[in-house]
């Protein structure tokens, strides 16, 4: 059951410490067959610099220039067959595109952010294990990392803590909203965190927004 890891990035993240640590830890990880990095770059020089940076990876990897001429040509051609994606931009679109690429040769696909400060090689393993394990056979797995900076005594994840969680609690407790989907959302810690894994079949068939 081969597994692929997707790490959507902004070009600016290539020059930041968290991504360097992620690459170093991934070189200790043997649970993924391929790593795909979707990225938007302003020019060929940025793409070349990012490609040089990711040459450190020991695992088979692919850096996809999502707003480059070759990819944009494909998107323009798809518009001719009534699949217009030309209005979408950003990491959401990049991840949407690359899920299709990742599904070609992988049974399981994991995705996480590029700014995880306390990253270890166990993160992709924890995301993927419930799916690639034949004893568990999960289709989807959701992860998160603690959004707390102990050195600065600060808490992050403010959209979740100050809006999403209070909203769900209010719907559940005050309005007594009886909803399976609400119960499902409330079962996750940090619902908005960007760490998840799924089977390639689920990735191809679920209606993930491209924006």
N, C-alpha and C. Protein backbone atom coordinates (compact mmCIF):
# COMPACT_ATOMS: atom_id res chain seq x y z
N UNK A 1 0.84 -1.19 0.00
CA UNK A 1 0.00 0.00 0.00
C UNK A 1 0.89 1.25 0.00
N UNK A 2 1.37 1.66 -1.16
CA UNK A 2 2.29 2.80 -1.23
C UNK A 2 1.61 4.10 -0.80
N UNK A 3 2.38 4.97 -0.16
CA UNK A 3 1.86 6.22 0.37
C UNK A 3 2.61 7.41 -0.20
N UNK A 4 1.87 8.50 -0.38
CA UNK A 4 2.44 9.74 -0.90
C UNK A 4 2.16 10.86 0.11
N UNK A 5 3.12 11.76 0.26
CA UNK A 5 2.96 12.92 1.13
C UNK A 5 2.95 14.19 0.28
N UNK A 6 1.96 15.04 0.49
CA UNK A 6 1.86 16.32 -0.21
C UNK A 6 2.15 17.45 0.79
N UNK A 7 3.02 18.38 0.39
CA UNK A 7 3.32 19.54 1.23
C UNK A 7 3.14 20.80 0.38
N UNK A 8 1.96 21.42 0.38
CA UNK A 8 1.79 22.66 -0.38
C UNK A 8 2.61 23.78 0.26
N UNK A 9 3.32 24.55 -0.55
CA UNK A 9 4.16 25.60 0.01
C UNK A 9 3.99 26.91 -0.76
N UNK A 10 4.33 27.99 -0.09
CA UNK A 10 4.57 29.27 -0.73
C UNK A 10 6.08 29.39 -0.95
N UNK A 11 6.50 30.09 -1.97
CA UNK A 11 7.93 30.20 -2.23
C UNK A 11 8.68 30.75 -1.02
N UNK A 12 8.06 31.69 -0.29
CA UNK A 12 8.73 32.32 0.84
C UNK A 12 9.12 31.30 1.91
N UNK A 13 8.40 30.19 1.98
CA UNK A 13 8.67 29.20 3.01
C UNK A 13 9.96 28.43 2.76
N UNK A 14 10.47 28.47 1.53
CA UNK A 14 11.73 27.79 1.21
C UNK A 14 12.87 28.35 2.04
N UNK A 15 12.79 29.63 2.38
CA UNK A 15 13.88 30.29 3.09
C UNK A 15 13.66 30.33 4.60
N UNK A 16 12.67 29.62 5.10
CA UNK A 16 12.38 29.65 6.54
C UNK A 16 12.78 28.34 7.21
N UNK A 17 13.12 28.44 8.48
CA UNK A 17 13.65 27.30 9.23
C UNK A 17 12.70 26.11 9.32
N UNK A 18 11.38 26.29 9.55
CA UNK A 18 10.52 25.11 9.69
C UNK A 18 10.61 24.14 8.51
N UNK A 19 10.67 24.66 7.28
CA UNK A 19 10.71 23.77 6.13
C UNK A 19 12.03 23.01 6.05
N UNK A 20 13.11 23.65 6.46
CA UNK A 20 14.40 22.95 6.50
C UNK A 20 14.35 21.80 7.49
N UNK A 21 13.73 22.03 8.64
CA UNK A 21 13.60 20.96 9.63
C UNK A 21 12.71 19.84 9.12
N UNK A 22 11.64 20.20 8.39
CA UNK A 22 10.75 19.19 7.83
C UNK A 22 11.51 18.28 6.87
N UNK A 23 12.33 18.88 6.00
CA UNK A 23 13.12 18.09 5.04
C UNK A 23 14.08 17.16 5.78
N UNK A 24 14.74 17.67 6.80
CA UNK A 24 15.68 16.84 7.56
C UNK A 24 14.98 15.66 8.23
N UNK A 25 13.80 15.91 8.77
CA UNK A 25 13.05 14.83 9.43
C UNK A 25 12.50 13.83 8.41
N UNK A 26 12.08 14.32 7.25
CA UNK A 26 11.56 13.40 6.23
C UNK A 26 12.65 12.47 5.72
N UNK A 27 13.89 12.88 5.80
CA UNK A 27 14.99 12.01 5.39
C UNK A 27 15.19 10.85 6.37
N UNK A 28 14.52 10.91 7.53
CA UNK A 28 14.54 9.80 8.49
C UNK A 28 13.30 8.92 8.36
N UNK A 29 12.39 9.32 7.47
CA UNK A 29 11.09 8.67 7.37
C UNK A 29 11.07 7.69 6.20
N UNK A 30 10.65 6.45 6.47
CA UNK A 30 10.61 5.45 5.40
C UNK A 30 9.20 4.94 5.11
N UNK A 31 8.18 5.72 5.52
CA UNK A 31 6.80 5.25 5.32
C UNK A 31 6.15 5.85 4.08
N UNK A 32 6.86 6.74 3.38
CA UNK A 32 6.29 7.32 2.16
C UNK A 32 7.13 6.94 0.95
N UNK A 33 6.44 6.66 -0.13
CA UNK A 33 7.12 6.28 -1.37
C UNK A 33 7.47 7.51 -2.20
N UNK A 34 6.66 8.57 -2.09
CA UNK A 34 6.87 9.77 -2.89
C UNK A 34 6.42 10.99 -2.11
N UNK A 35 7.12 12.10 -2.32
CA UNK A 35 6.74 13.39 -1.74
C UNK A 35 6.48 14.36 -2.90
N UNK A 36 5.33 15.02 -2.88
CA UNK A 36 5.00 15.99 -3.92
C UNK A 36 4.82 17.36 -3.29
N UNK A 37 5.49 18.35 -3.86
CA UNK A 37 5.43 19.71 -3.33
C UNK A 37 4.82 20.63 -4.38
N UNK A 38 3.56 21.03 -4.23
CA UNK A 38 2.98 22.02 -5.15
C UNK A 38 3.35 23.42 -4.69
N UNK A 39 3.72 24.29 -5.64
CA UNK A 39 4.19 25.63 -5.28
C UNK A 39 3.87 26.61 -6.40
N UNK A 40 3.54 27.84 -6.01
CA UNK A 40 3.43 28.93 -6.97
C UNK A 40 4.73 29.73 -6.91
N UNK A 41 5.29 30.06 -8.07
CA UNK A 41 6.53 30.84 -8.14
C UNK A 41 6.34 32.00 -9.10
N UNK A 42 6.98 33.11 -8.80
CA UNK A 42 6.83 34.30 -9.65
C UNK A 42 7.64 34.21 -10.93
N UNK A 43 8.70 33.41 -10.93
CA UNK A 43 9.59 33.36 -12.09
C UNK A 43 10.39 32.06 -12.07
N UNK A 44 11.08 31.73 -13.18
CA UNK A 44 11.87 30.49 -13.25
C UNK A 44 12.99 30.44 -12.20
N UNK A 45 13.51 31.59 -11.81
CA UNK A 45 14.59 31.61 -10.83
C UNK A 45 14.11 31.11 -9.46
N UNK A 46 12.90 31.51 -9.09
CA UNK A 46 12.34 31.03 -7.82
C UNK A 46 12.12 29.52 -7.87
N UNK A 47 11.58 29.05 -9.00
CA UNK A 47 11.36 27.60 -9.13
C UNK A 47 12.67 26.84 -9.05
N UNK A 48 13.71 27.35 -9.72
CA UNK A 48 15.02 26.69 -9.72
C UNK A 48 15.61 26.66 -8.31
N UNK A 49 15.45 27.75 -7.57
CA UNK A 49 15.97 27.79 -6.20
C UNK A 49 15.24 26.79 -5.31
N UNK A 50 13.91 26.69 -5.48
CA UNK A 50 13.14 25.73 -4.70
C UNK A 50 13.53 24.29 -5.06
N UNK A 51 13.74 24.04 -6.35
CA UNK A 51 14.16 22.70 -6.79
C UNK A 51 15.50 22.33 -6.18
N UNK A 52 16.41 23.31 -6.12
CA UNK A 52 17.71 23.06 -5.50
C UNK A 52 17.56 22.75 -4.01
N UNK A 53 16.68 23.47 -3.35
CA UNK A 53 16.44 23.24 -1.92
C UNK A 53 15.93 21.82 -1.68
N UNK A 54 14.96 21.38 -2.46
CA UNK A 54 14.36 20.06 -2.24
C UNK A 54 15.22 18.92 -2.76
N UNK A 55 16.34 19.23 -3.42
CA UNK A 55 17.26 18.17 -3.83
C UNK A 55 17.87 17.47 -2.62
N UNK A 56 17.72 18.07 -1.43
CA UNK A 56 18.18 17.43 -0.19
C UNK A 56 17.38 16.18 0.14
N UNK A 57 16.15 16.11 -0.36
CA UNK A 57 15.27 14.98 -0.02
C UNK A 57 15.82 13.68 -0.59
N UNK A 58 15.87 12.65 0.24
CA UNK A 58 16.34 11.35 -0.20
C UNK A 58 15.22 10.53 -0.85
N UNK A 59 13.99 10.82 -0.46
CA UNK A 59 12.83 10.13 -1.02
C UNK A 59 12.52 10.68 -2.41
N UNK A 60 12.01 9.82 -3.27
CA UNK A 60 11.56 10.27 -4.60
C UNK A 60 10.58 11.42 -4.42
N UNK A 61 10.82 12.53 -5.12
CA UNK A 61 9.98 13.70 -4.91
C UNK A 61 9.75 14.46 -6.22
N UNK A 62 8.73 15.29 -6.19
CA UNK A 62 8.34 16.06 -7.38
C UNK A 62 7.92 17.46 -6.92
N UNK A 63 8.54 18.48 -7.49
CA UNK A 63 8.15 19.86 -7.24
C UNK A 63 7.33 20.34 -8.43
N UNK A 64 6.07 20.70 -8.18
CA UNK A 64 5.18 21.10 -9.27
C UNK A 64 4.97 22.60 -9.23
N UNK A 65 5.31 23.26 -10.32
CA UNK A 65 5.15 24.71 -10.45
C UNK A 65 3.72 24.96 -10.92
N UNK A 66 2.83 25.19 -9.97
CA UNK A 66 1.40 25.20 -10.26
C UNK A 66 0.94 26.37 -11.11
N UNK A 67 1.66 27.48 -11.08
CA UNK A 67 1.30 28.61 -11.95
C UNK A 67 2.32 28.79 -13.07
N UNK A 68 3.09 27.74 -13.35
CA UNK A 68 4.03 27.76 -14.46
C UNK A 68 3.31 27.57 -15.79
N UNK A 69 4.03 27.80 -16.86
CA UNK A 69 3.40 27.78 -18.19
C UNK A 69 2.84 26.41 -18.56
N UNK A 70 3.54 25.33 -18.21
CA UNK A 70 3.08 24.00 -18.61
C UNK A 70 1.78 23.63 -17.91
N UNK A 71 1.71 23.90 -16.60
CA UNK A 71 0.49 23.58 -15.86
C UNK A 71 -0.65 24.49 -16.30
N UNK A 72 -0.36 25.77 -16.50
CA UNK A 72 -1.40 26.70 -16.93
C UNK A 72 -1.94 26.32 -18.31
N UNK A 73 -1.09 25.78 -19.17
CA UNK A 73 -1.53 25.32 -20.49
C UNK A 73 -2.56 24.19 -20.35
N UNK A 74 -2.30 23.27 -19.42
CA UNK A 74 -3.24 22.18 -19.17
C UNK A 74 -4.57 22.73 -18.66
N UNK A 75 -4.49 23.69 -17.73
CA UNK A 75 -5.71 24.29 -17.17
C UNK A 75 -6.50 25.01 -18.26
N UNK A 76 -5.80 25.72 -19.13
CA UNK A 76 -6.48 26.42 -20.24
C UNK A 76 -7.13 25.42 -21.18
N UNK A 77 -6.45 24.31 -21.46
CA UNK A 77 -7.03 23.28 -22.33
C UNK A 77 -8.27 22.66 -21.71
N UNK A 78 -8.26 22.49 -20.38
CA UNK A 78 -9.41 21.90 -19.70
C UNK A 78 -10.63 22.81 -19.80
N UNK A 79 -10.39 24.12 -19.89
CA UNK A 79 -11.50 25.06 -20.04
C UNK A 79 -12.25 24.79 -21.35
N UNK A 80 -11.53 24.31 -22.37
CA UNK A 80 -12.14 24.02 -23.66
C UNK A 80 -13.10 22.83 -23.60
N UNK A 81 -12.92 21.96 -22.57
CA UNK A 81 -13.84 20.83 -22.41
C UNK A 81 -14.80 21.08 -21.25
N UNK A 82 -15.10 22.35 -21.01
CA UNK A 82 -16.10 22.80 -20.05
C UNK A 82 -15.73 22.42 -18.61
N UNK A 83 -14.44 22.50 -18.28
CA UNK A 83 -13.99 22.38 -16.89
C UNK A 83 -13.12 23.60 -16.62
N UNK A 84 -13.76 24.68 -16.23
CA UNK A 84 -13.07 25.97 -16.09
C UNK A 84 -12.52 26.14 -14.68
N UNK A 85 -11.19 26.05 -14.56
CA UNK A 85 -10.50 26.23 -13.28
C UNK A 85 -9.70 27.53 -13.26
N UNK A 86 -9.86 28.35 -14.28
CA UNK A 86 -8.98 29.51 -14.43
C UNK A 86 -9.23 30.58 -13.36
N UNK A 87 -10.33 30.51 -12.66
CA UNK A 87 -10.62 31.52 -11.64
C UNK A 87 -10.06 31.19 -10.27
N UNK A 88 -9.44 30.01 -10.12
CA UNK A 88 -8.93 29.59 -8.81
C UNK A 88 -7.45 29.87 -8.69
N UNK A 89 -7.03 30.29 -7.49
CA UNK A 89 -5.62 30.55 -7.21
C UNK A 89 -5.32 30.18 -5.76
N UNK A 90 -4.05 29.97 -5.46
CA UNK A 90 -3.65 29.78 -4.07
C UNK A 90 -3.38 28.34 -3.71
N UNK A 91 -3.09 28.12 -2.42
CA UNK A 91 -2.72 26.79 -1.93
C UNK A 91 -3.84 25.77 -2.11
N UNK A 92 -5.09 26.23 -1.97
CA UNK A 92 -6.21 25.31 -2.15
C UNK A 92 -6.23 24.72 -3.54
N UNK A 93 -6.04 25.57 -4.53
CA UNK A 93 -5.99 25.11 -5.92
C UNK A 93 -4.79 24.21 -6.15
N UNK A 94 -3.64 24.59 -5.60
CA UNK A 94 -2.42 23.79 -5.76
C UNK A 94 -2.62 22.38 -5.19
N UNK A 95 -3.20 22.32 -3.98
CA UNK A 95 -3.42 21.01 -3.35
C UNK A 95 -4.42 20.19 -4.16
N UNK A 96 -5.46 20.84 -4.67
CA UNK A 96 -6.49 20.16 -5.47
C UNK A 96 -5.86 19.52 -6.71
N UNK A 97 -5.00 20.27 -7.40
CA UNK A 97 -4.33 19.75 -8.58
C UNK A 97 -3.46 18.54 -8.24
N UNK A 98 -2.70 18.66 -7.17
CA UNK A 98 -1.70 17.64 -6.86
C UNK A 98 -2.33 16.37 -6.28
N UNK A 99 -3.51 16.47 -5.69
CA UNK A 99 -4.19 15.24 -5.24
C UNK A 99 -4.41 14.30 -6.42
N UNK A 100 -4.71 14.87 -7.58
CA UNK A 100 -4.88 14.04 -8.77
C UNK A 100 -3.59 13.35 -9.17
N UNK A 101 -2.49 14.09 -9.13
CA UNK A 101 -1.18 13.51 -9.46
C UNK A 101 -0.81 12.42 -8.46
N UNK A 102 -1.02 12.70 -7.18
CA UNK A 102 -0.64 11.75 -6.13
C UNK A 102 -1.44 10.45 -6.22
N UNK A 103 -2.67 10.54 -6.69
CA UNK A 103 -3.53 9.35 -6.74
C UNK A 103 -3.08 8.35 -7.80
N UNK A 104 -2.22 8.75 -8.72
CA UNK A 104 -1.83 7.87 -9.83
C UNK A 104 -1.09 6.63 -9.36
N UNK A 105 -0.21 6.80 -8.36
CA UNK A 105 0.66 5.68 -7.96
C UNK A 105 0.60 5.39 -6.47
N UNK A 106 -0.38 5.94 -5.76
CA UNK A 106 -0.43 5.77 -4.31
C UNK A 106 -1.77 5.23 -3.85
N UNK A 107 -1.74 4.42 -2.81
CA UNK A 107 -2.96 3.95 -2.17
C UNK A 107 -3.42 4.97 -1.13
N UNK A 108 -2.45 5.56 -0.42
CA UNK A 108 -2.76 6.52 0.64
C UNK A 108 -2.07 7.84 0.36
N UNK A 109 -2.74 8.93 0.71
CA UNK A 109 -2.19 10.27 0.49
C UNK A 109 -2.31 11.05 1.79
N UNK A 110 -1.20 11.63 2.24
CA UNK A 110 -1.22 12.51 3.41
C UNK A 110 -0.88 13.93 2.97
N UNK A 111 -1.39 14.89 3.69
CA UNK A 111 -1.13 16.30 3.38
C UNK A 111 -0.92 17.06 4.68
N UNK A 112 0.12 17.89 4.73
CA UNK A 112 0.29 18.76 5.89
C UNK A 112 0.97 20.06 5.49
N UNK A 113 0.96 21.03 6.40
CA UNK A 113 1.50 22.36 6.13
C UNK A 113 3.03 22.35 6.13
N UNK A 114 3.60 23.47 5.70
CA UNK A 114 5.06 23.59 5.59
C UNK A 114 5.65 24.45 6.69
N UNK A 115 4.85 24.80 7.70
CA UNK A 115 5.34 25.71 8.74
C UNK A 115 5.25 25.10 10.14
N UNK A 116 5.30 23.76 10.22
CA UNK A 116 5.20 23.09 11.52
C UNK A 116 6.55 23.19 12.23
N UNK A 117 6.58 23.95 13.32
CA UNK A 117 7.84 24.25 13.99
C UNK A 117 8.43 23.03 14.70
N UNK A 118 7.56 22.23 15.32
CA UNK A 118 8.04 21.07 16.09
C UNK A 118 7.87 19.78 15.30
N UNK A 119 8.21 19.79 14.02
CA UNK A 119 7.99 18.66 13.13
C UNK A 119 8.93 17.50 13.45
N UNK A 120 8.39 16.29 13.42
CA UNK A 120 9.22 15.09 13.54
C UNK A 120 8.78 14.09 12.47
N UNK A 121 9.62 13.09 12.23
CA UNK A 121 9.32 12.09 11.21
C UNK A 121 8.11 11.23 11.56
N UNK A 122 7.64 11.32 12.80
CA UNK A 122 6.47 10.53 13.20
C UNK A 122 5.17 11.11 12.69
N UNK A 123 5.17 12.39 12.27
CA UNK A 123 3.91 13.02 11.84
C UNK A 123 3.32 12.33 10.61
N UNK A 124 4.07 12.14 9.51
CA UNK A 124 3.46 11.42 8.38
C UNK A 124 3.10 9.98 8.74
N UNK A 125 3.89 9.35 9.61
CA UNK A 125 3.60 7.98 10.02
C UNK A 125 2.27 7.90 10.75
N UNK A 126 2.03 8.83 11.68
CA UNK A 126 0.78 8.84 12.43
C UNK A 126 -0.42 9.11 11.52
N UNK A 127 -0.22 9.96 10.52
CA UNK A 127 -1.31 10.26 9.59
C UNK A 127 -1.64 9.06 8.71
N UNK A 128 -0.61 8.37 8.26
CA UNK A 128 -0.80 7.32 7.25
C UNK A 128 -1.10 5.94 7.83
N UNK A 129 -0.62 5.65 9.03
CA UNK A 129 -0.71 4.29 9.55
C UNK A 129 -2.14 3.73 9.59
N UNK A 130 -3.14 4.50 10.07
CA UNK A 130 -4.49 3.92 10.11
C UNK A 130 -5.04 3.56 8.74
N UNK A 131 -4.46 4.14 7.68
CA UNK A 131 -4.94 3.89 6.32
C UNK A 131 -4.18 2.75 5.66
N UNK A 132 -2.86 2.74 5.81
CA UNK A 132 -2.08 1.70 5.14
C UNK A 132 -2.08 0.38 5.90
N UNK A 133 -2.47 0.42 7.18
CA UNK A 133 -2.57 -0.82 7.97
C UNK A 133 -3.78 -1.63 7.51
N UNK A 134 -3.56 -2.86 7.12
CA UNK A 134 -4.66 -3.72 6.68
C UNK A 134 -5.55 -4.14 7.85
N UNK A 135 -5.05 -4.03 9.06
CA UNK A 135 -5.87 -4.36 10.23
C UNK A 135 -6.87 -3.25 10.56
N UNK A 136 -6.52 -2.02 10.21
CA UNK A 136 -7.39 -0.89 10.53
C UNK A 136 -8.26 -0.47 9.35
N UNK A 137 -7.64 -0.33 8.16
CA UNK A 137 -8.40 -0.03 6.93
C UNK A 137 -9.23 1.25 7.01
N UNK A 138 -8.69 2.29 7.64
CA UNK A 138 -9.38 3.58 7.63
C UNK A 138 -9.34 4.18 6.23
N UNK A 139 -10.36 4.97 5.89
CA UNK A 139 -10.37 5.71 4.63
C UNK A 139 -9.86 7.14 4.81
N UNK A 140 -9.97 7.65 6.05
CA UNK A 140 -9.64 9.05 6.32
C UNK A 140 -9.08 9.17 7.73
N UNK A 141 -8.10 10.04 7.89
CA UNK A 141 -7.51 10.28 9.21
C UNK A 141 -7.20 11.76 9.35
N UNK A 142 -7.53 12.32 10.49
CA UNK A 142 -7.30 13.75 10.72
C UNK A 142 -6.31 13.93 11.86
N UNK A 143 -5.30 14.75 11.66
CA UNK A 143 -4.32 15.03 12.69
C UNK A 143 -4.26 16.50 13.02
N UNK A 144 -3.47 16.84 14.00
CA UNK A 144 -3.22 18.24 14.33
C UNK A 144 -1.96 18.29 15.19
N UNK A 145 -1.39 19.45 15.31
CA UNK A 145 -0.28 19.62 16.24
C UNK A 145 -0.66 20.75 17.20
N UNK A 146 -0.13 20.70 18.40
CA UNK A 146 -0.49 21.68 19.43
C UNK A 146 -0.10 23.08 18.99
N UNK A 147 -1.06 23.98 18.99
CA UNK A 147 -0.81 25.36 18.55
C UNK A 147 -0.45 26.23 19.76
N UNK A 148 0.57 25.80 20.49
CA UNK A 148 1.00 26.52 21.68
C UNK A 148 2.50 26.75 21.60
N UNK A 149 2.94 27.99 21.82
CA UNK A 149 4.36 28.32 21.89
C UNK A 149 4.72 28.49 23.35
N UNK A 150 5.39 27.48 23.92
CA UNK A 150 5.70 27.51 25.35
C UNK A 150 6.74 28.56 25.69
N UNK A 151 7.64 28.85 24.74
CA UNK A 151 8.68 29.86 25.00
C UNK A 151 8.07 31.26 25.11
N UNK A 152 7.16 31.59 24.19
CA UNK A 152 6.57 32.93 24.17
C UNK A 152 5.25 33.00 24.95
N UNK A 153 4.82 31.85 25.48
CA UNK A 153 3.56 31.78 26.22
C UNK A 153 2.39 32.31 25.38
N UNK A 154 2.32 31.84 24.13
CA UNK A 154 1.25 32.28 23.24
C UNK A 154 0.50 31.07 22.70
N UNK A 155 -0.79 31.28 22.39
CA UNK A 155 -1.61 30.25 21.77
C UNK A 155 -2.00 30.72 20.37
N UNK A 156 -1.95 29.81 19.41
CA UNK A 156 -2.30 30.13 18.03
C UNK A 156 -3.59 29.40 17.67
N UNK A 157 -3.91 29.38 16.39
CA UNK A 157 -5.17 28.76 15.99
C UNK A 157 -6.36 29.58 16.43
N UNK A 158 -6.26 30.90 16.29
CA UNK A 158 -7.29 31.79 16.86
C UNK A 158 -8.63 31.65 16.15
N UNK A 159 -8.63 31.42 14.84
CA UNK A 159 -9.91 31.28 14.13
C UNK A 159 -10.70 30.10 14.72
N UNK A 160 -9.98 29.03 15.02
CA UNK A 160 -10.64 27.86 15.60
C UNK A 160 -11.09 28.15 17.03
N UNK A 161 -10.17 28.64 17.86
CA UNK A 161 -10.46 28.81 19.29
C UNK A 161 -11.51 29.90 19.54
N UNK A 162 -11.47 30.99 18.76
CA UNK A 162 -12.33 32.13 19.03
C UNK A 162 -13.61 32.14 18.21
N UNK A 163 -13.66 31.35 17.14
CA UNK A 163 -14.87 31.37 16.30
C UNK A 163 -15.47 29.98 16.09
N UNK A 164 -14.70 29.05 15.50
CA UNK A 164 -15.28 27.77 15.09
C UNK A 164 -15.76 26.95 16.27
N UNK A 165 -14.90 26.77 17.28
CA UNK A 165 -15.30 25.96 18.42
C UNK A 165 -16.47 26.59 19.19
N UNK A 166 -16.45 27.90 19.51
CA UNK A 166 -17.63 28.49 20.17
C UNK A 166 -18.90 28.39 19.34
N UNK A 167 -18.77 28.53 18.02
CA UNK A 167 -19.95 28.41 17.16
C UNK A 167 -20.54 27.00 17.24
N UNK A 168 -19.69 25.99 17.15
CA UNK A 168 -20.18 24.61 17.21
C UNK A 168 -20.77 24.30 18.58
N UNK A 169 -20.12 24.80 19.64
CA UNK A 169 -20.64 24.57 21.00
C UNK A 169 -22.00 25.23 21.18
N UNK A 170 -22.15 26.42 20.62
CA UNK A 170 -23.43 27.14 20.73
C UNK A 170 -24.54 26.39 19.99
N UNK A 171 -24.22 25.95 18.78
CA UNK A 171 -25.22 25.19 18.02
C UNK A 171 -25.63 23.93 18.77
N UNK A 172 -24.68 23.29 19.41
CA UNK A 172 -24.94 22.02 20.08
C UNK A 172 -25.67 22.22 21.41
N UNK A 173 -25.16 23.13 22.24
CA UNK A 173 -25.68 23.26 23.61
C UNK A 173 -26.87 24.21 23.70
N UNK A 174 -26.73 25.40 23.09
CA UNK A 174 -27.76 26.42 23.27
C UNK A 174 -28.94 26.20 22.33
N UNK A 175 -28.65 25.90 21.07
CA UNK A 175 -29.73 25.71 20.10
C UNK A 175 -30.17 24.25 20.00
N UNK A 176 -29.45 23.38 20.71
CA UNK A 176 -29.76 21.94 20.72
C UNK A 176 -29.92 21.40 19.30
N UNK A 177 -28.96 21.77 18.47
CA UNK A 177 -28.97 21.34 17.07
C UNK A 177 -28.59 19.86 16.99
N UNK A 178 -29.54 19.04 16.54
CA UNK A 178 -29.32 17.59 16.43
C UNK A 178 -28.86 17.29 15.01
N UNK A 179 -27.53 17.18 14.84
CA UNK A 179 -26.98 17.03 13.49
C UNK A 179 -25.81 16.07 13.51
N UNK A 180 -25.87 15.07 12.65
CA UNK A 180 -24.75 14.12 12.56
C UNK A 180 -23.47 14.81 12.11
N UNK A 181 -23.59 15.74 11.15
CA UNK A 181 -22.39 16.39 10.63
C UNK A 181 -21.78 17.30 11.70
N UNK A 182 -22.61 17.93 12.53
CA UNK A 182 -22.09 18.75 13.62
C UNK A 182 -21.36 17.88 14.64
N UNK A 183 -21.94 16.74 14.98
CA UNK A 183 -21.26 15.82 15.90
C UNK A 183 -19.93 15.36 15.32
N UNK A 184 -19.91 15.14 14.02
CA UNK A 184 -18.68 14.71 13.35
C UNK A 184 -17.60 15.80 13.46
N UNK A 185 -17.97 17.05 13.16
CA UNK A 185 -17.01 18.14 13.24
C UNK A 185 -16.51 18.34 14.68
N UNK A 186 -17.40 18.20 15.64
CA UNK A 186 -17.03 18.42 17.04
C UNK A 186 -16.11 17.32 17.57
N UNK A 187 -16.05 16.20 16.86
CA UNK A 187 -15.21 15.10 17.34
C UNK A 187 -13.73 15.33 17.07
N UNK A 188 -13.39 16.33 16.22
CA UNK A 188 -12.00 16.61 15.90
C UNK A 188 -11.44 17.70 16.80
N UNK A 189 -10.18 17.56 17.16
CA UNK A 189 -9.47 18.65 17.83
C UNK A 189 -8.82 19.50 16.74
N UNK A 190 -8.97 20.81 16.85
CA UNK A 190 -8.48 21.73 15.82
C UNK A 190 -8.99 21.33 14.43
N UNK A 191 -10.28 21.51 14.25
CA UNK A 191 -10.94 21.12 13.00
C UNK A 191 -10.29 21.74 11.77
N UNK A 192 -9.71 22.92 11.90
CA UNK A 192 -9.16 23.64 10.75
C UNK A 192 -7.70 23.30 10.45
N UNK A 193 -7.07 22.47 11.26
CA UNK A 193 -5.65 22.19 11.03
C UNK A 193 -5.45 21.48 9.69
N UNK A 194 -4.29 21.68 9.09
CA UNK A 194 -4.05 21.22 7.73
C UNK A 194 -3.41 19.86 7.62
N UNK A 195 -3.58 19.00 8.61
CA UNK A 195 -2.97 17.67 8.56
C UNK A 195 -4.06 16.61 8.40
N UNK A 196 -4.04 15.89 7.29
CA UNK A 196 -4.99 14.80 7.12
C UNK A 196 -4.43 13.80 6.13
N UNK A 197 -5.04 12.63 6.10
CA UNK A 197 -4.65 11.59 5.15
C UNK A 197 -5.91 10.86 4.70
N UNK A 198 -5.85 10.29 3.49
CA UNK A 198 -7.01 9.57 2.97
C UNK A 198 -6.55 8.59 1.89
N UNK A 199 -7.41 7.69 1.51
CA UNK A 199 -7.11 6.81 0.39
C UNK A 199 -7.19 7.61 -0.90
N UNK A 200 -6.51 7.13 -1.93
CA UNK A 200 -6.56 7.82 -3.22
C UNK A 200 -7.97 7.77 -3.81
N UNK A 201 -8.71 6.69 -3.57
CA UNK A 201 -10.09 6.61 -4.06
C UNK A 201 -10.94 7.72 -3.46
N UNK A 202 -10.78 7.94 -2.17
CA UNK A 202 -11.55 9.01 -1.51
C UNK A 202 -11.13 10.37 -2.05
N UNK A 203 -9.83 10.55 -2.27
CA UNK A 203 -9.34 11.83 -2.79
C UNK A 203 -9.94 12.14 -4.15
N UNK A 204 -10.12 11.12 -4.98
CA UNK A 204 -10.66 11.32 -6.33
C UNK A 204 -12.17 11.54 -6.32
N UNK A 205 -12.86 11.03 -5.33
CA UNK A 205 -14.32 11.05 -5.37
C UNK A 205 -14.97 12.07 -4.43
N UNK A 206 -14.23 12.57 -3.47
CA UNK A 206 -14.81 13.58 -2.58
C UNK A 206 -14.75 14.93 -3.26
N UNK A 207 -15.73 15.78 -3.03
CA UNK A 207 -15.79 17.08 -3.72
C UNK A 207 -15.01 18.14 -2.93
N UNK A 208 -13.70 18.05 -3.02
CA UNK A 208 -12.84 19.01 -2.33
C UNK A 208 -12.84 20.32 -3.11
N UNK A 209 -13.16 21.46 -2.48
CA UNK A 209 -13.15 22.73 -3.20
C UNK A 209 -11.73 23.09 -3.65
N UNK A 210 -11.62 23.72 -4.82
CA UNK A 210 -10.32 24.11 -5.36
C UNK A 210 -9.93 25.53 -4.93
N UNK A 211 -10.76 26.15 -4.09
CA UNK A 211 -10.45 27.52 -3.67
C UNK A 211 -10.18 27.60 -2.18
